[in-house]
PDB file of N, CA and C in Angstrom:
ATOM      1  N   GLY A   1      -5.835 -14.417 -32.257  1.00  0.00           N
ATOM      2  CA  GLY A   1      -6.010 -13.029 -31.947  1.00  0.00           C
ATOM      3  C   GLY A   1      -6.379 -12.827 -30.500  1.00  0.00           C
ATOM      4  N   GLU A   2      -6.341 -11.606 -30.087  1.00  0.00           N
ATOM      5  CA  GLU A   2      -6.708 -11.214 -28.733  1.00  0.00           C
ATOM      6  C   GLU A   2      -7.766 -10.131 -28.805  1.00  0.00           C
ATOM      7  N   VAL A   3      -8.637 -10.114 -27.818  1.00  0.00           N
ATOM      8  CA  VAL A   3      -9.641  -9.077 -27.681  1.00  0.00           C
ATOM      9  C   VAL A   3      -9.380  -8.383 -26.354  1.00  0.00           C
ATOM     10  N   PHE A   4      -9.344  -7.069 -26.367  1.00  0.00           N
ATOM     11  CA  PHE A   4      -9.159  -6.331 -25.125  1.00  0.00           C
ATOM     12  C   PHE A   4      -9.874  -5.000 -25.244  1.00  0.00           C
ATOM     13  N   GLN A   5     -10.152  -4.414 -24.089  1.00  0.00           N
ATOM     14  CA  GLN A   5     -10.829  -3.130 -24.074  1.00  0.00           C
ATOM     15  C   GLN A   5      -9.803  -2.025 -24.230  1.00  0.00           C
ATOM     16  N   GLY A   6      -9.980  -1.198 -25.224  1.00  0.00           N
ATOM     17  CA  GLY A   6      -9.063  -0.093 -25.462  1.00  0.00           C
ATOM     18  C   GLY A   6      -8.985   0.859 -24.290  1.00  0.00           C
ATOM     19  N   LYS A   7     -10.115   1.076 -23.607  1.00  0.00           N
ATOM     20  CA  LYS A   7     -10.126   2.002 -22.473  1.00  0.00           C
ATOM     21  C   LYS A   7      -9.216   1.502 -21.355  1.00  0.00           C
ATOM     22  N   GLY A   8      -9.293   0.212 -21.031  1.00  0.00           N
ATOM     23  CA  GLY A   8      -8.449  -0.353 -19.977  1.00  0.00           C
ATOM     24  C   GLY A   8      -6.976  -0.271 -20.335  1.00  0.00           C
ATOM     25  N   LEU A   9      -6.658  -0.568 -21.584  1.00  0.00           N
ATOM     26  CA  LEU A   9      -5.270  -0.492 -22.041  1.00  0.00           C
ATOM     27  C   LEU A   9      -4.769   0.950 -21.995  1.00  0.00           C
ATOM     28  N   LEU A  10      -5.573   1.896 -22.454  1.00  0.00           N
ATOM     29  CA  LEU A  10      -5.176   3.303 -22.425  1.00  0.00           C
ATOM     30  C   LEU A  10      -4.952   3.780 -20.991  1.00  0.00           C
ATOM     31  N   GLU A  11      -5.837   3.392 -20.069  1.00  0.00           N
ATOM     32  CA  GLU A  11      -5.670   3.763 -18.659  1.00  0.00           C
ATOM     33  C   GLU A  11      -4.370   3.193 -18.106  1.00  0.00           C
ATOM     34  N   TRP A  12      -4.087   1.919 -18.417  1.00  0.00           N
ATOM     35  CA  TRP A  12      -2.854   1.299 -17.940  1.00  0.00           C
ATOM     36  C   TRP A  12      -1.633   2.028 -18.504  1.00  0.00           C
ATOM     37  N   LEU A  13      -1.642   2.332 -19.814  1.00  0.00           N
ATOM     38  CA  LEU A  13      -0.514   3.042 -20.425  1.00  0.00           C
ATOM     39  C   LEU A  13      -0.317   4.421 -19.804  1.00  0.00           C
ATOM     40  N   THR A  14      -1.404   5.154 -19.593  1.00  0.00           N
ATOM     41  CA  THR A  14      -1.338   6.494 -19.014  1.00  0.00           C
ATOM     42  C   THR A  14      -0.783   6.436 -17.590  1.00  0.00           C
ATOM     43  N   ASN A  15      -1.295   5.518 -16.766  1.00  0.00           N
ATOM     44  CA  ASN A  15      -0.833   5.391 -15.381  1.00  0.00           C
ATOM     45  C   ASN A  15       0.622   4.935 -15.322  1.00  0.00           C
ATOM     46  N   THR A  16       0.977   3.984 -16.166  1.00  0.00           N
ATOM     47  CA  THR A  16       2.348   3.476 -16.184  1.00  0.00           C
ATOM     48  C   THR A  16       3.318   4.561 -16.632  1.00  0.00           C
ATOM     49  N   ALA A  17       2.958   5.323 -17.655  1.00  0.00           N
ATOM     50  CA  ALA A  17       3.812   6.416 -18.132  1.00  0.00           C
ATOM     51  C   ALA A  17       4.020   7.454 -17.034  1.00  0.00           C
ATOM     52  N   ALA A  18       2.966   7.772 -16.294  1.00  0.00           N
ATOM     53  CA  ALA A  18       3.081   8.747 -15.200  1.00  0.00           C
ATOM     54  C   ALA A  18       4.005   8.225 -14.099  1.00  0.00           C
ATOM     55  N   GLN A  19       3.936   6.925 -13.783  1.00  0.00           N
ATOM     56  CA  GLN A  19       4.794   6.342 -12.754  1.00  0.00           C
ATOM     57  C   GLN A  19       6.256   6.364 -13.186  1.00  0.00           C
ATOM     58  N   TYR A  20       6.520   6.037 -14.432  1.00  0.00           N
ATOM     59  CA  TYR A  20       7.895   6.060 -14.934  1.00  0.00           C
ATOM     60  C   TYR A  20       8.421   7.498 -14.973  1.00  0.00           C
ATOM     61  N   ASP A  21       7.566   8.426 -15.398  1.00  0.00           N
ATOM     62  CA  ASP A  21       7.951   9.830 -15.449  1.00  0.00           C
ATOM     63  C   ASP A  21       8.305  10.342 -14.056  1.00  0.00           C
ATOM     64  N   ALA A  22       7.479   9.995 -13.066  1.00  0.00           N
ATOM     65  CA  ALA A  22       7.726  10.426 -11.686  1.00  0.00           C
ATOM     66  C   ALA A  22       9.022   9.837 -11.134  1.00  0.00           C
ATOM     67  N   ALA A  23       9.404   8.660 -11.635  1.00  0.00           N
ATOM     68  CA  ALA A  23      10.639   8.015 -11.198  1.00  0.00           C
ATOM     69  C   ALA A  23      11.844   8.494 -12.011  1.00  0.00           C
ATOM     70  N   GLY A  24      11.625   9.417 -12.959  1.00  0.00           N
ATOM     71  CA  GLY A  24      12.708   9.935 -13.780  1.00  0.00           C
ATOM     72  C   GLY A  24      13.189   8.949 -14.834  1.00  0.00           C
ATOM     73  N   LYS A  25      12.310   8.057 -15.246  1.00  0.00           N
ATOM     74  CA  LYS A  25      12.671   7.028 -16.219  1.00  0.00           C
ATOM     75  C   LYS A  25      11.888   7.240 -17.513  1.00  0.00           C
ATOM     76  N   THR A  26      12.411   6.695 -18.601  1.00  0.00           N
ATOM     77  CA  THR A  26      11.746   6.795 -19.897  1.00  0.00           C
ATOM     78  C   THR A  26      11.088   5.464 -20.217  1.00  0.00           C
ATOM     79  N   LEU A  27       9.790   5.480 -20.396  1.00  0.00           N
ATOM     80  CA  LEU A  27       9.008   4.265 -20.607  1.00  0.00           C
ATOM     81  C   LEU A  27       9.162   3.712 -22.015  1.00  0.00           C
ATOM     82  N   LEU A  28       9.479   2.435 -22.101  1.00  0.00           N
ATOM     83  CA  LEU A  28       9.376   1.658 -23.331  1.00  0.00           C
ATOM     84  C   LEU A  28       8.489   0.466 -23.008  1.00  0.00           C
ATOM     85  N   VAL A  29       7.863  -0.130 -24.020  1.00  0.00           N
ATOM     86  CA  VAL A  29       6.972  -1.264 -23.803  1.00  0.00           C
ATOM     87  C   VAL A  29       7.375  -2.406 -24.729  1.00  0.00           C
ATOM     88  N   LYS A  30       7.543  -3.583 -24.159  1.00  0.00           N
ATOM     89  CA  LYS A  30       7.885  -4.784 -24.923  1.00  0.00           C
ATOM     90  C   LYS A  30       6.633  -5.652 -25.042  1.00  0.00           C
ATOM     91  N   VAL A  31       6.330  -6.141 -26.239  1.00  0.00           N
ATOM     92  CA  VAL A  31       5.227  -7.077 -26.455  1.00  0.00           C
ATOM     93  C   VAL A  31       5.830  -8.475 -26.405  1.00  0.00           C
ATOM     94  N   GLN A  32       5.321  -9.312 -25.503  1.00  0.00           N
ATOM     95  CA  GLN A  32       5.931 -10.617 -25.265  1.00  0.00           C
ATOM     96  C   GLN A  32       4.859 -11.714 -25.232  1.00  0.00           C
ATOM     97  N   LEU A  33       5.064 -12.755 -26.017  1.00  0.00           N
ATOM     98  CA  LEU A  33       4.210 -13.930 -25.889  1.00  0.00           C
ATOM     99  C   LEU A  33       4.604 -14.665 -24.624  1.00  0.00           C
ATOM    100  N   GLY A  34       3.652 -15.281 -23.965  1.00  0.00           N
ATOM    101  CA  GLY A  34       3.933 -16.038 -22.752  1.00  0.00           C
ATOM    102  C   GLY A  34       2.915 -17.139 -22.570  1.00  0.00           C
ATOM    103  N   ILE A  35       3.117 -17.932 -21.544  1.00  0.00           N
ATOM    104  CA  ILE A  35       2.215 -19.037 -21.228  1.00  0.00           C
ATOM    105  C   ILE A  35       1.794 -18.916 -19.773  1.00  0.00           C
ATOM    106  N   TYR A  36       0.514 -19.101 -19.523  1.00  0.00           N
ATOM    107  CA  TYR A  36       0.038 -19.128 -18.146  1.00  0.00           C
ATOM    108  C   TYR A  36       0.516 -20.417 -17.498  1.00  0.00           C
ATOM    109  N   ASP A  37       1.492 -20.306 -16.595  1.00  0.00           N
ATOM    110  CA  ASP A  37       1.909 -21.487 -15.849  1.00  0.00           C
ATOM    111  C   ASP A  37       1.212 -21.470 -14.490  1.00  0.00           C
ATOM    112  N   SER A  38       1.395 -22.523 -13.706  1.00  0.00           N
ATOM    113  CA  SER A  38       0.690 -22.624 -12.428  1.00  0.00           C
ATOM    114  C   SER A  38       1.118 -21.530 -11.455  1.00  0.00           C
ATOM    115  N   ALA A  39       2.382 -21.115 -11.477  1.00  0.00           N
ATOM    116  CA  ALA A  39       2.838 -20.058 -10.571  1.00  0.00           C
ATOM    117  C   ALA A  39       2.102 -18.746 -10.870  1.00  0.00           C
ATOM    118  N   TYR A  40       1.970 -18.397 -12.155  1.00  0.00           N
ATOM    119  CA  TYR A  40       1.275 -17.168 -12.544  1.00  0.00           C
ATOM    120  C   TYR A  40      -0.201 -17.250 -12.154  1.00  0.00           C
ATOM    121  N   LEU A  41      -0.841 -18.363 -12.491  1.00  0.00           N
ATOM    122  CA  LEU A  41      -2.265 -18.509 -12.200  1.00  0.00           C
ATOM    123  C   LEU A  41      -2.539 -18.530 -10.702  1.00  0.00           C
ATOM    124  N   ASN A  42      -1.667 -19.157  -9.925  1.00  0.00           N
ATOM    125  CA  ASN A  42      -1.861 -19.184  -8.472  1.00  0.00           C
ATOM    126  C   ASN A  42      -1.730 -17.796  -7.872  1.00  0.00           C
ATOM    127  N   THR A  43      -0.977 -16.925  -8.516  1.00  0.00           N
ATOM    128  CA  THR A  43      -0.799 -15.560  -8.030  1.00  0.00           C
ATOM    129  C   THR A  43      -1.947 -14.645  -8.446  1.00  0.00           C
ATOM    130  N   TYR A  44      -2.386 -14.745  -9.705  1.00  0.00           N
ATOM    131  CA  TYR A  44      -3.319 -13.761 -10.247  1.00  0.00           C
ATOM    132  C   TYR A  44      -4.732 -14.266 -10.540  1.00  0.00           C
ATOM    133  N   GLN A  45      -4.976 -15.564 -10.451  1.00  0.00           N
ATOM    134  CA  GLN A  45      -6.305 -16.087 -10.777  1.00  0.00           C
ATOM    135  C   GLN A  45      -6.874 -16.840  -9.580  1.00  0.00           C
ATOM    136  N   PRO A  46      -7.801 -16.225  -8.836  1.00  0.00           N
ATOM    137  CA  PRO A  46      -8.372 -16.890  -7.660  1.00  0.00           C
ATOM    138  C   PRO A  46      -9.398 -17.982  -8.003  1.00  0.00           C
ATOM    139  N   ASN A  47      -9.977 -17.942  -9.192  1.00  0.00           N
ATOM    140  CA  ASN A  47     -11.029 -18.880  -9.581  1.00  0.00           C
ATOM    141  C   ASN A  47     -10.412 -20.218 -10.004  1.00  0.00           C
ATOM    142  N   THR A  48     -10.723 -21.281  -9.247  1.00  0.00           N
ATOM    143  CA  THR A  48     -10.147 -22.606  -9.496  1.00  0.00           C
ATOM    144  C   THR A  48     -10.504 -23.135 -10.884  1.00  0.00           C
ATOM    145  N   THR A  49     -11.726 -22.935 -11.314  1.00  0.00           N
ATOM    146  CA  THR A  49     -12.153 -23.407 -12.630  1.00  0.00           C
ATOM    147  C   THR A  49     -11.364 -22.728 -13.740  1.00  0.00           C
ATOM    148  N   LEU A  50     -11.192 -21.402 -13.623  1.00  0.00           N
ATOM    149  CA  LEU A  50     -10.440 -20.668 -14.632  1.00  0.00           C
ATOM    150  C   LEU A  50      -8.954 -21.019 -14.602  1.00  0.00           C
ATOM    151  N   LYS A  51      -8.434 -21.357 -13.415  1.00  0.00           N
ATOM    152  CA  LYS A  51      -7.033 -21.805 -13.341  1.00  0.00           C
ATOM    153  C   LYS A  51      -6.842 -23.039 -14.210  1.00  0.00           C
ATOM    154  N   SER A  52      -7.733 -24.011 -14.062  1.00  0.00           N
ATOM    155  CA  SER A  52      -7.636 -25.252 -14.840  1.00  0.00           C
ATOM    156  C   SER A  52      -7.810 -24.977 -16.330  1.00  0.00           C
ATOM    157  N   LYS A  53      -8.759 -24.117 -16.659  1.00  0.00           N
ATOM    158  CA  LYS A  53      -9.050 -23.804 -18.056  1.00  0.00           C
ATOM    159  C   LYS A  53      -7.884 -23.078 -18.738  1.00  0.00           C
ATOM    160  N   ASN A  54      -7.208 -22.197 -17.997  1.00  0.00           N
ATOM    161  CA  ASN A  54      -6.167 -21.360 -18.591  1.00  0.00           C
ATOM    162  C   ASN A  54      -4.750 -21.924 -18.468  1.00  0.00           C
ATOM    163  N   LEU A  55      -4.554 -22.996 -17.718  1.00  0.00           N
ATOM    164  CA  LEU A  55      -3.216 -23.550 -17.533  1.00  0.00           C
ATOM    165  C   LEU A  55      -2.592 -23.888 -18.885  1.00  0.00           C
ATOM    166  N   ASN A  56      -1.391 -23.413 -19.106  1.00  0.00           N
ATOM    167  CA  ASN A  56      -0.610 -23.617 -20.335  1.00  0.00           C
ATOM    168  C   ASN A  56      -1.168 -22.874 -21.553  1.00  0.00           C
ATOM    169  N   ARG A  57      -2.102 -21.960 -21.348  1.00  0.00           N
ATOM    170  CA  ARG A  57      -2.650 -21.154 -22.441  1.00  0.00           C
ATOM    171  C   ARG A  57      -1.643 -20.079 -22.830  1.00  0.00           C
ATOM    172  N   ILE A  58      -1.515 -19.846 -24.111  1.00  0.00           N
ATOM    173  CA  ILE A  58      -0.635 -18.786 -24.607  1.00  0.00           C
ATOM    174  C   ILE A  58      -1.335 -17.439 -24.410  1.00  0.00           C
ATOM    175  N   ALA A  59      -0.584 -16.444 -23.977  1.00  0.00           N
ATOM    176  CA  ALA A  59      -1.128 -15.103 -23.767  1.00  0.00           C
ATOM    177  C   ALA A  59      -0.130 -14.080 -24.306  1.00  0.00           C
ATOM    178  N   ILE A  60      -0.576 -12.858 -24.412  1.00  0.00           N
ATOM    179  CA  ILE A  60       0.274 -11.756 -24.842  1.00  0.00           C
ATOM    180  C   ILE A  60       0.384 -10.778 -23.682  1.00  0.00           C
ATOM    181  N   PHE A  61       1.616 -10.395 -23.346  1.00  0.00           N
ATOM    182  CA  PHE A  61       1.866  -9.479 -22.247  1.00  0.00           C
ATOM    183  C   PHE A  61       2.559  -8.226 -22.775  1.00  0.00           C
ATOM    184  N   LEU A  62       2.181  -7.079 -22.241  1.00  0.00           N
ATOM    185  CA  LEU A  62       2.905  -5.836 -22.490  1.00  0.00           C
ATOM    186  C   LEU A  62       3.744  -5.580 -21.252  1.00  0.00           C
ATOM    187  N   ILE A  63       5.055  -5.498 -21.433  1.00  0.00           N
ATOM    188  CA  ILE A  63       5.970  -5.354 -20.308  1.00  0.00           C
ATOM    189  C   ILE A  63       6.623  -3.980 -20.385  1.00  0.00           C
ATOM    190  N   PRO A  64       6.328  -3.114 -19.399  1.00  0.00           N
ATOM    191  CA  PRO A  64       6.963  -1.795 -19.401  1.00  0.00           C
ATOM    192  C   PRO A  64       8.389  -1.906 -18.861  1.00  0.00           C
ATOM    193  N   TYR A  65       9.278  -1.078 -19.393  1.00  0.00           N
ATOM    194  CA  TYR A  65      10.644  -1.043 -18.862  1.00  0.00           C
ATOM    195  C   TYR A  65      11.276   0.301 -19.179  1.00  0.00           C
ATOM    196  N   ASP A  66      12.346   0.602 -18.470  1.00  0.00           N
ATOM    197  CA  ASP A  66      13.055   1.854 -18.648  1.00  0.00           C
ATOM    198  C   ASP A  66      13.971   1.773 -19.870  1.00  0.00           C
ATOM    199  N   SER A  67      14.091   2.851 -20.594  1.00  0.00           N
ATOM    200  CA  SER A  67      14.922   2.862 -21.803  1.00  0.00           C
ATOM    201  C   SER A  67      16.378   2.513 -21.513  1.00  0.00           C
ATOM    202  N   ALA A  68      16.837   2.703 -20.272  1.00  0.00           N
ATOM    203  CA  ALA A  68      18.211   2.352 -19.908  1.00  0.00           C
ATOM    204  C   ALA A  68      18.441   0.840 -19.998  1.00  0.00           C
ATOM    205  N   GLN A  69      17.372   0.041 -19.976  1.00  0.00           N
ATOM    206  CA  GLN A  69      17.472  -1.412 -20.080  1.00  0.00           C
ATOM    207  C   GLN A  69      17.427  -1.899 -21.527  1.00  0.00           C
ATOM    208  N   ALA A  70      17.289  -1.004 -22.482  1.00  0.00           N
ATOM    209  CA  ALA A  70      17.032  -1.382 -23.871  1.00  0.00           C
ATOM    210  C   ALA A  70      18.042  -2.367 -24.441  1.00  0.00           C
ATOM    211  N   GLY A  71      19.292  -2.287 -24.064  1.00  0.00           N
ATOM    212  CA  GLY A  71      20.296  -3.191 -24.608  1.00  0.00           C
ATOM    213  C   GLY A  71      20.490  -4.464 -23.805  1.00  0.00           C
ATOM    214  N   GLN A  72      19.768  -4.597 -22.711  1.00  0.00           N
ATOM    215  CA  GLN A  72      19.943  -5.755 -21.839  1.00  0.00           C
ATOM    216  C   GLN A  72      19.158  -6.954 -22.346  1.00  0.00           C
ATOM    217  N   GLN A  73      19.658  -8.140 -22.035  1.00  0.00           N
ATOM    218  CA  GLN A  73      19.012  -9.384 -22.442  1.00  0.00           C
ATOM    219  C   GLN A  73      17.651  -9.554 -21.749  1.00  0.00           C
ATOM    220  N   GLU A  74      17.625  -9.336 -20.439  1.00  0.00           N
ATOM    221  CA  GLU A  74      16.382  -9.507 -19.681  1.00  0.00           C
ATOM    222  C   GLU A  74      15.770  -8.146 -19.394  1.00  0.00           C
ATOM    223  N   ILE A  75      14.493  -8.033 -19.645  1.00  0.00           N
ATOM    224  CA  ILE A  75      13.746  -6.811 -19.393  1.00  0.00           C
ATOM    225  C   ILE A  75      12.882  -7.048 -18.164  1.00  0.00           C
ATOM    226  N   HIS A  76      12.893  -6.118 -17.211  1.00  0.00           N
ATOM    227  CA  HIS A  76      12.082  -6.236 -16.006  1.00  0.00           C
ATOM    228  C   HIS A  76      11.234  -4.980 -15.851  1.00  0.00           C
ATOM    229  N   ALA A  77       9.957  -5.176 -15.516  1.00  0.00           N
ATOM    230  CA  ALA A  77       9.070  -4.046 -15.268  1.00  0.00           C
ATOM    231  C   ALA A  77       9.525  -3.309 -14.019  1.00  0.00           C
ATOM    232  N   LEU A  78       9.242  -2.020 -13.968  1.00  0.00           N
ATOM    233  CA  LEU A  78       9.555  -1.199 -12.805  1.00  0.00           C
ATOM    234  C   LEU A  78       8.491  -1.482 -11.755  1.00  0.00           C
ATOM    235  N   ILE A  79       8.785  -2.376 -10.815  1.00  0.00           N
ATOM    236  CA  ILE A  79       7.811  -2.791  -9.812  1.00  0.00           C
ATOM    237  C   ILE A  79       8.401  -2.573  -8.426  1.00  0.00           C
ATOM    238  N   ALA A  80       7.614  -1.974  -7.535  1.00  0.00           N
ATOM    239  CA  ALA A  80       8.081  -1.752  -6.163  1.00  0.00           C
ATOM    240  C   ALA A  80       8.239  -3.084  -5.447  1.00  0.00           C
ATOM    241  N   PRO A  81       9.253  -3.205  -4.591  1.00  0.00           N
ATOM    242  CA  PRO A  81       9.437  -4.450  -3.836  1.00  0.00           C
ATOM    243  C   PRO A  81       8.213  -4.774  -2.993  1.00  0.00           C
ATOM    244  N   SER A  82       7.951  -6.049  -2.797  1.00  0.00           N
ATOM    245  CA  SER A  82       6.804  -6.505  -2.017  1.00  0.00           C
ATOM    246  C   SER A  82       6.846  -5.912  -0.613  1.00  0.00           C
ATOM    247  N   GLY A  83       5.686  -5.489  -0.128  1.00  0.00           N
ATOM    248  CA  GLY A  83       5.579  -4.970   1.227  1.00  0.00           C
ATOM    249  C   GLY A  83       5.807  -3.474   1.350  1.00  0.00           C
ATOM    250  N   THR A  84       6.113  -2.782   0.242  1.00  0.00           N
ATOM    251  CA  THR A  84       6.358  -1.346   0.328  1.00  0.00           C
ATOM    252  C   THR A  84       5.053  -0.555   0.341  1.00  0.00           C
ATOM    253  N   GLY A  85       3.962  -1.200  -0.088  1.00  0.00           N
ATOM    254  CA  GLY A  85       2.676  -0.528  -0.098  1.00  0.00           C
ATOM    255  C   GLY A  85       2.475   0.404  -1.281  1.00  0.00           C
ATOM    256  N   THR A  86       3.491   0.548  -2.135  1.00  0.00           N
ATOM    257  CA  THR A  86       3.336   1.401  -3.310  1.00  0.00           C
ATOM    258  C   THR A  86       3.650   0.599  -4.557  1.00  0.00           C
ATOM    259  N   SER A  87       2.860   0.812  -5.574  1.00  0.00           N
ATOM    260  CA  SER A  87       3.091   0.138  -6.844  1.00  0.00           C
ATOM    261  C   SER A  87       3.697   1.135  -7.804  1.00  0.00           C
ATOM    262  N   SER A  88       4.720   0.729  -8.499  1.00  0.00           N
ATOM    263  CA  SER A  88       5.312   1.634  -9.487  1.00  0.00           C
ATOM    264  C   SER A  88       5.357   0.971 -10.849  1.00  0.00           C
ATOM    265  N   GLY A  89       4.345   0.168 -11.151  1.00  0.00           N
ATOM    266  CA  GLY A  89       4.248  -0.400 -12.478  1.00  0.00           C
ATOM    267  C   GLY A  89       4.101  -1.909 -12.465  1.00  0.00           C
ATOM    268  N   SER A  90       3.472  -2.425 -13.487  1.00  0.00           N
ATOM    269  CA  SER A  90       3.351  -3.863 -13.670  1.00  0.00           C
ATOM    270  C   SER A  90       3.064  -4.117 -15.135  1.00  0.00           C
ATOM    271  N   GLY A  91       3.141  -5.364 -15.538  1.00  0.00           N
ATOM    272  CA  GLY A  91       2.836  -5.708 -16.909  1.00  0.00           C
ATOM    273  C   GLY A  91       1.343  -5.667 -17.176  1.00  0.00           C
ATOM    274  N   TYR A  92       0.969  -5.669 -18.433  1.00  0.00           N
ATOM    275  CA  TYR A  92      -0.431  -5.703 -18.832  1.00  0.00           C
ATOM    276  C   TYR A  92      -0.641  -6.955 -19.636  1.00  0.00           C
ATOM    277  N   ASP A  93      -1.586  -7.769 -19.220  1.00  0.00           N
ATOM    278  CA  ASP A  93      -1.827  -9.070 -19.827  1.00  0.00           C
ATOM    279  C   ASP A  93      -3.030  -8.972 -20.740  1.00  0.00           C
ATOM    280  N   LEU A  94      -2.820  -9.167 -22.035  1.00  0.00           N
ATOM    281  CA  LEU A  94      -3.924  -9.079 -22.990  1.00  0.00           C
ATOM    282  C   LEU A  94      -4.753 -10.357 -23.045  1.00  0.00           C
ATOM    283  N   GLY A  95      -4.376 -11.369 -22.256  1.00  0.00           N
ATOM    284  CA  GLY A  95      -5.126 -12.618 -22.242  1.00  0.00           C
ATOM    285  C   GLY A  95      -6.295 -12.606 -21.275  1.00  0.00           C
ATOM    286  N   GLY A  96      -6.436 -11.575 -20.491  1.00  0.00           N
ATOM    287  CA  GLY A  96      -7.602 -11.448 -19.639  1.00  0.00           C
ATOM    288  C   GLY A  96      -7.351 -11.560 -18.155  1.00  0.00           C
ATOM    289  N   ILE A  97      -6.171 -11.956 -17.711  1.00  0.00           N
ATOM    290  CA  ILE A  97      -5.884 -12.042 -16.278  1.00  0.00           C
ATOM    291  C   ILE A  97      -4.955 -10.892 -15.966  1.00  0.00           C
ATOM    292  N   GLN A  98      -5.471  -9.892 -15.254  1.00  0.00           N
ATOM    293  CA  GLN A  98      -4.685  -8.685 -15.038  1.00  0.00           C
ATOM    294  C   GLN A  98      -3.931  -8.719 -13.716  1.00  0.00           C
ATOM    295  N   PRO A  99      -2.590  -8.615 -13.788  1.00  0.00           N
ATOM    296  CA  PRO A  99      -1.824  -8.505 -12.527  1.00  0.00           C
ATOM    297  C   PRO A  99      -2.008  -7.148 -11.904  1.00  0.00           C
TER     298      PRO A  99
END
């Protein structure tokens, strides 16, 4: 099982829905099992001890995507390109490491 704060999840859903709405897109959310690999941990986990502890740990991710992608094999979150200074969405990690 997973434990998460409902308030944080609700805030993320509300903010993500507003970003998709502003972009003229329809928000859908995919629930995806995943594994913390070293690339993910090096990006989102600054604590060296927690990196070692969480490496290869199974986690649950909520991945937002536009309804136009519903029939596609690969689902990608609506994320602004690096360096634009604006965020337009990201996944939500129920395992405790928030991107």
